[in-house]
Amino acid sequence: MDQPEIIKKFAEQDEKLNAIYVSVEKTRKYFLWTLIITIIVLVLPLVVMVFVVPAFINTYTTALGGL
């Protein structure tokens, strides 16, 4: 192989590596947002329930205690 062909191959590989990098970054952002949405939808309601359920039970038992 002569010099221009090698340079051409390196240029092609550089373009492909850049395309792969862009694709990987999009995938990384997709997984990040999937994680954030999962936390919001699943974990946050569980944390809120830790505070809401005891207050509800207290109110419920207080109301029944008056009967």
Protein backbone atom coordinates (compact mmCIF):
# COMPACT_ATOMS: atom_id res chain seq x y z
CA MET A 1 0.00 0.00 0.00
CA ASP A 2 1.19 3.44 -0.69
CA GLN A 3 0.92 6.56 1.44
CA PRO A 4 -2.30 8.13 -0.02
CA GLU A 5 -4.28 4.91 0.42
CA ILE A 6 -3.26 4.64 4.06
CA ILE A 7 -4.22 8.26 4.68
CA LYS A 8 -7.57 7.65 2.97
CA LYS A 9 -8.21 4.60 5.19
CA PHE A 10 -7.37 6.60 8.31
CA ALA A 11 -9.78 9.33 7.22
CA GLU A 12 -12.55 6.77 6.68
CA GLN A 13 -11.91 5.24 10.09
CA ASP A 14 -11.96 8.67 11.69
CA GLU A 15 -15.38 9.39 10.15
CA LYS A 16 -16.72 6.05 11.35
CA LEU A 17 -15.35 6.61 14.86
CA ASN A 18 -17.02 10.01 15.01
CA ALA A 19 -20.33 8.46 13.91
CA ILE A 20 -19.96 5.77 16.59
CA TYR A 21 -19.21 8.41 19.22
CA VAL A 22 -22.34 10.37 18.32
CA SER A 23 -24.43 7.20 18.48
CA VAL A 24 -22.98 6.19 21.85
CA GLU A 25 -23.65 9.65 23.31
CA LYS A 26 -27.29 9.49 22.16
CA THR A 27 -27.63 6.05 23.74
CA ARG A 28 -26.05 7.27 26.98
CA LYS A 29 -28.48 10.19 27.18
CA TYR A 30 -31.39 7.83 26.45
CA PHE A 31 -30.37 5.54 29.32
CA LEU A 32 -29.86 8.51 31.64
CA TRP A 33 -33.36 9.84 30.98
CA THR A 34 -34.79 6.33 31.33
CA LEU A 35 -33.16 6.09 34.77
CA ILE A 36 -34.44 9.51 35.82
CA ILE A 37 -38.00 8.73 34.70
CA THR A 38 -37.88 5.35 36.44
CA ILE A 39 -36.82 7.00 39.69
CA ILE A 40 -39.58 9.58 39.40
CA VAL A 41 -42.28 7.04 38.59
CA LEU A 42 -41.29 4.25 41.00
CA VAL A 43 -39.07 5.45 43.82
CA LEU A 44 -40.51 8.89 44.49
CA PRO A 45 -44.06 7.59 45.13
CA LEU A 46 -42.66 5.00 47.56
CA VAL A 47 -40.83 7.69 49.48
CA VAL A 48 -43.98 9.82 49.61
CA MET A 49 -45.99 6.82 50.82
CA VAL A 50 -43.68 6.50 53.83
CA PHE A 51 -44.99 9.86 55.03
CA VAL A 52 -48.60 9.66 53.78
CA VAL A 53 -49.58 6.20 55.06
CA PRO A 54 -48.75 6.86 58.74
CA ALA A 55 -50.67 10.15 58.64
CA PHE A 56 -53.65 8.39 57.03
CA ILE A 57 -53.57 5.57 59.60
CA ASN A 58 -53.40 8.08 62.42
CA THR A 59 -56.38 10.01 61.07
CA TYR A 60 -58.33 6.82 60.43
CA THR A 61 -57.74 5.38 63.92
CA THR A 62 -58.54 8.72 65.54
CA ALA A 63 -61.84 8.84 63.68
CA LEU A 64 -62.70 5.28 64.68
CA GLY A 65 -61.68 5.91 68.27
CA GLY A 66 -64.43 8.52 68.64
CA LEU A 67 -67.19 6.01 67.87
